[in-house]
Amino acid sequence: MILDHLILAGPELEALEALVRERTGADPVRGGRHLGHGTQNSLVGLGERPYLELLATDPTQGGGAFAATIAHLRAPALHTWCVAAGDAASIAEKARSVGLTPRRERMQRRRPDRSMLAWELVFLDDHPYGPLVPFFIDWQKSKHPAAALPRGVTLASLELTHPDAEGLADLLARLGGVPEPVRVERGTAVGIAAELRHGGGTWTLEGPPVDTGDLAEPPSG
């Protein structure tokens, strides 16, 4: 598995962009709107392959499934992470083989230069680990967005914390492994945190607090 990107979500895209400029000096590149899903994004390169997606609701749309997943946020938070691993059909088949329920979603957005970017996502349900289990992306014939992003910020680590760290690590291993630089750690609380490095130092992104009781039942998506 290859770490594809992280999602930093918040109520307003402009505020997310301003925060990134302030903390890293990097200038986010506006991505586009996810029509029908209620969100919009900007991107920041994190090295040769991964990137940081800044995700916010799009006020020009009347809501949507993606907007609903971040509507509770009142401040920027590390939302989840994404892995690139083969084609969507193979990912879905592997998920079913380990007892999970895959949901496939074809998507596209128009870049500011009017070119179209198309991809397919695979979300995994029926596990108790919430946002610590990534979703998967099949870029199909599209050029990976990181190729066009300026560099200067890198990802030092992505730490996943859970009381059942062994179970989480085992599930990730059965899905294809734990990609670099991801670490799975045991903790009393559920957490996700990424350390970014830039010319001025480091910046740690953290997810919102998660009650382990909220993860007792498999997420419905």
Protein backbone atom coordinates (compact mmCIF):
# COMPACT_ATOMS: atom_id res chain seq x y z
CA MET A 1 0.00 0.00 0.00
CA ILE A 2 1.12 3.55 -0.74
CA LEU A 3 0.02 6.54 1.30
CA ASP A 4 -1.76 8.79 -1.17
CA HIS A 5 -3.01 11.78 0.82
CA LEU A 6 -4.27 13.11 4.14
CA ILE A 7 -7.42 15.17 4.64
CA LEU A 8 -7.42 18.32 6.77
CA ALA A 9 -11.06 19.35 7.04
CA GLY A 10 -12.80 22.42 8.36
CA PRO A 11 -15.81 24.70 7.94
CA GLU A 12 -14.28 27.15 5.44
CA LEU A 13 -11.76 26.49 2.70
CA GLU A 14 -10.28 29.99 2.80
CA ALA A 15 -9.57 29.60 6.53
CA LEU A 16 -7.84 26.27 5.93
CA GLU A 17 -5.67 27.81 3.21
CA ALA A 18 -4.75 30.74 5.46
CA LEU A 19 -3.82 28.35 8.29
CA VAL A 20 -1.50 26.35 6.03
CA ARG A 21 0.21 29.53 4.79
CA GLU A 22 0.67 30.75 8.35
CA ARG A 23 2.03 27.47 9.74
CA THR A 24 4.18 26.26 6.82
CA GLY A 25 4.69 29.12 4.36
CA ALA A 26 3.27 26.91 1.60
CA ASP A 27 0.68 28.29 -0.79
CA PRO A 28 -2.18 25.78 -1.31
CA VAL A 29 -3.28 25.12 -4.89
CA ARG A 30 -7.04 25.35 -5.38
CA GLY A 31 -8.42 22.03 -6.58
CA GLY A 32 -12.11 22.33 -7.39
CA ARG A 33 -15.63 21.37 -6.37
CA HIS A 34 -16.97 17.87 -5.77
CA LEU A 35 -20.30 18.42 -7.45
CA GLY A 36 -23.13 16.49 -5.88
CA HIS A 37 -21.11 15.81 -2.72
CA GLY A 38 -21.18 19.30 -1.22
CA THR A 39 -17.44 19.88 -0.79
CA GLN A 40 -14.52 21.74 -2.35
CA ASN A 41 -10.76 21.44 -1.86
CA SER A 42 -7.24 22.82 -2.12
CA LEU A 43 -4.02 20.80 -2.19
CA VAL A 44 -0.56 21.04 -0.64
CA GLY A 45 2.30 18.78 -1.74
CA LEU A 46 3.97 16.63 0.93
CA GLY A 47 6.87 15.34 -1.11
CA GLU A 48 7.06 13.28 -4.26
CA ARG A 49 3.82 11.32 -3.79
CA PRO A 50 1.56 12.22 -0.88
CA TYR A 51 -0.30 15.46 -0.53
CA LEU A 52 -2.49 17.22 2.00
CA GLU A 53 -6.07 17.81 0.89
CA LEU A 54 -7.82 20.78 2.49
CA LEU A 55 -11.51 19.86 2.47
CA ALA A 56 -14.44 22.12 3.32
CA THR A 57 -18.11 22.43 2.56
CA ASP A 58 -19.03 24.26 -0.64
CA PRO A 59 -21.62 26.97 0.05
CA THR A 60 -22.68 26.97 -3.62
CA GLN A 61 -24.03 23.41 -3.24
CA GLY A 62 -27.00 22.32 -1.19
CA GLY A 63 -25.10 19.84 0.94
CA GLY A 64 -24.08 16.28 0.08
CA ALA A 65 -22.69 13.05 1.52
CA PHE A 66 -19.13 14.33 1.90
CA ALA A 67 -20.27 17.62 3.39
CA ALA A 68 -22.30 15.69 5.97
CA THR A 69 -19.19 13.86 7.24
CA ILE A 70 -17.42 17.12 8.14
CA ALA A 71 -20.43 19.29 9.06
CA HIS A 72 -19.78 18.76 12.80
CA LEU A 73 -16.33 20.36 12.65
CA ARG A 74 -16.04 23.84 14.12
CA ALA A 75 -12.27 24.08 13.66
CA PRO A 76 -9.67 22.49 11.35
CA ALA A 77 -8.97 18.84 12.14
CA LEU A 78 -7.16 15.90 10.56
CA HIS A 79 -10.11 13.94 9.21
CA THR A 80 -8.76 10.68 7.77
CA TRP A 81 -6.21 9.29 5.30
CA CYS A 82 -6.20 7.69 1.87
CA VAL A 83 -4.20 4.86 0.32
CA ALA A 84 -3.49 4.07 -3.33
CA ALA A 85 -3.38 0.33 -3.90
CA GLY A 86 -4.18 -1.12 -7.30
CA ASP A 87 -7.54 -0.86 -9.02
CA ALA A 88 -10.85 -0.32 -7.25
CA ALA A 89 -12.24 -3.77 -8.10
CA SER A 90 -9.23 -5.51 -6.55
CA ILE A 91 -9.44 -3.36 -3.43
CA ALA A 92 -13.13 -4.15 -3.03
CA GLU A 93 -12.48 -7.88 -3.48
CA LYS A 94 -9.72 -7.85 -0.86
CA ALA A 95 -11.98 -5.98 1.58
CA ARG A 96 -14.72 -8.57 1.19
CA SER A 97 -12.17 -11.35 1.75
CA VAL A 98 -11.38 -9.99 5.23
CA GLY A 99 -15.04 -9.52 6.18
CA LEU A 100 -15.52 -5.84 5.35
CA THR A 101 -18.16 -4.22 3.17
CA PRO A 102 -16.73 -2.02 0.40
CA ARG A 103 -18.55 0.97 -1.07
CA ARG A 104 -17.32 2.24 -4.43
CA GLU A 105 -17.79 5.84 -5.53
CA ARG A 106 -16.83 7.22 -8.94
CA MET A 107 -15.87 10.89 -8.81
CA GLN A 108 -14.57 13.73 -10.90
CA ARG A 109 -13.85 17.43 -10.59
CA ARG A 110 -12.84 20.15 -12.96
CA ARG A 111 -9.52 21.82 -12.27
CA PRO A 112 -9.17 25.62 -12.39
CA ASP A 113 -7.58 25.20 -15.85
CA ARG A 114 -10.86 23.50 -16.93
CA SER A 115 -9.28 20.06 -17.37
CA MET A 116 -11.13 17.11 -15.84
CA LEU A 117 -9.76 14.80 -13.15
CA ALA A 118 -11.53 11.45 -12.64
CA TRP A 119 -11.00 8.71 -10.05
CA GLU A 120 -12.78 6.03 -8.02
CA LEU A 121 -12.90 5.73 -4.23
CA VAL A 122 -13.45 2.63 -2.09
CA PHE A 123 -14.75 3.10 1.47
CA LEU A 124 -14.71 0.20 3.93
CA ASP A 125 -17.55 -0.47 6.39
CA ASP A 126 -18.15 -3.06 9.13
CA HIS A 127 -15.07 -2.47 11.26
CA PRO A 128 -14.72 -0.74 14.67
CA TYR A 129 -11.80 1.60 13.89
CA GLY A 130 -13.53 4.62 12.35
CA PRO A 131 -11.23 7.07 10.52
CA LEU A 132 -8.10 5.10 11.45
CA VAL A 133 -8.81 2.68 8.59
CA PRO A 134 -8.13 4.54 5.34
CA PHE A 135 -10.26 4.79 2.29
CA PHE A 136 -8.70 3.78 -1.03
CA ILE A 137 -8.29 5.56 -4.33
CA ASP A 138 -7.91 4.35 -7.90
CA TRP A 139 -6.66 7.23 -10.04
CA GLN A 140 -7.41 5.27 -13.21
CA LYS A 141 -5.92 7.20 -16.17
CA SER A 142 -5.70 10.54 -14.39
CA LYS A 143 -2.33 12.09 -13.64
CA HIS A 144 -1.65 12.12 -9.91
CA PRO A 145 -2.29 15.61 -8.46
CA ALA A 146 0.99 15.68 -6.51
CA ALA A 147 2.94 15.97 -9.76
CA ALA A 148 1.71 19.54 -10.25
CA LEU A 149 2.07 20.73 -6.64
CA PRO A 150 4.97 22.86 -5.37
CA ARG A 151 7.18 21.21 -2.75
CA GLY A 152 8.60 22.46 0.51
CA VAL A 153 6.50 20.57 3.05
CA THR A 154 7.04 16.88 3.81
CA LEU A 155 5.24 14.26 5.88
CA ALA A 156 7.43 12.95 8.71
CA SER A 157 4.90 10.57 10.28
CA LEU A 158 1.25 9.61 10.55
CA GLU A 159 0.36 8.09 13.91
CA LEU A 160 -2.81 6.05 14.50
CA THR A 161 -3.69 5.50 18.17
CA HIS A 162 -6.28 3.02 19.43
CA PRO A 163 -6.84 0.84 22.53
CA ASP A 164 -6.90 -2.20 20.22
CA ALA A 165 -3.74 -1.33 18.31
CA GLU A 166 -3.01 -5.00 17.58
CA GLY A 167 -6.40 -5.50 15.97
CA LEU A 168 -6.04 -2.36 13.87
CA ALA A 169 -2.53 -3.33 12.75
CA ASP A 170 -3.73 -6.83 11.86
CA LEU A 171 -6.60 -5.48 9.76
CA LEU A 172 -4.29 -3.09 7.91
CA ALA A 173 -1.85 -5.96 7.30
CA ARG A 174 -4.63 -8.09 5.79
CA LEU A 175 -5.63 -5.19 3.55
CA GLY A 176 -2.10 -4.89 2.21
CA GLY A 177 0.17 -3.61 4.98
CA VAL A 178 0.98 -0.43 6.88
CA PRO A 179 2.60 2.03 4.47
CA GLU A 180 5.44 4.35 5.38
CA PRO A 181 5.51 6.59 7.36
CA VAL A 182 2.39 5.31 9.21
CA ARG A 183 2.68 4.01 12.77
CA VAL A 184 0.04 2.16 14.81
CA GLU A 185 0.26 2.78 18.57
CA ARG A 186 -1.71 1.63 21.60
CA GLY A 187 -3.47 4.39 23.54
CA THR A 188 -6.38 4.92 25.88
CA ALA A 189 -8.05 7.20 23.34
CA VAL A 190 -8.65 7.00 19.60
CA GLY A 191 -6.49 9.47 17.71
CA ILE A 192 -4.89 10.36 14.41
CA ALA A 193 -1.97 12.78 14.15
CA ALA A 194 0.43 13.78 11.38
CA GLU A 195 3.75 15.59 11.75
CA LEU A 196 4.67 17.85 8.85
CA ARG A 197 8.13 19.30 8.29
CA HIS A 198 8.80 22.59 6.53
CA GLY A 199 11.51 25.20 6.29
CA GLY A 200 10.44 26.86 9.53
CA GLY A 201 10.17 23.69 11.64
CA THR A 202 7.36 21.20 12.25
CA TRP A 203 3.58 21.30 12.48
CA THR A 204 1.43 18.59 14.05
CA LEU A 205 -2.08 18.03 12.71
CA GLU A 206 -4.52 16.17 14.95
CA GLY A 207 -7.96 14.71 14.54
CA PRO A 208 -10.95 15.69 16.67
CA PRO A 209 -11.46 13.74 19.93
CA VAL A 210 -13.18 10.39 19.36
CA ASP A 211 -15.04 8.53 22.12
CA THR A 212 -14.27 4.80 21.91
CA GLY A 213 -17.94 4.22 22.68
CA ASP A 214 -18.77 5.82 19.36
CA LEU A 215 -16.81 3.05 17.63
CA ALA A 216 -18.47 0.13 19.40
CA GLU A 217 -20.81 -0.42 16.45
CA PRO A 218 -19.54 -0.67 12.86
CA PRO A 219 -19.82 2.70 11.13
CA SER A 220 -22.63 2.99 8.63
CA GLY A 221 -20.73 5.46 6.43
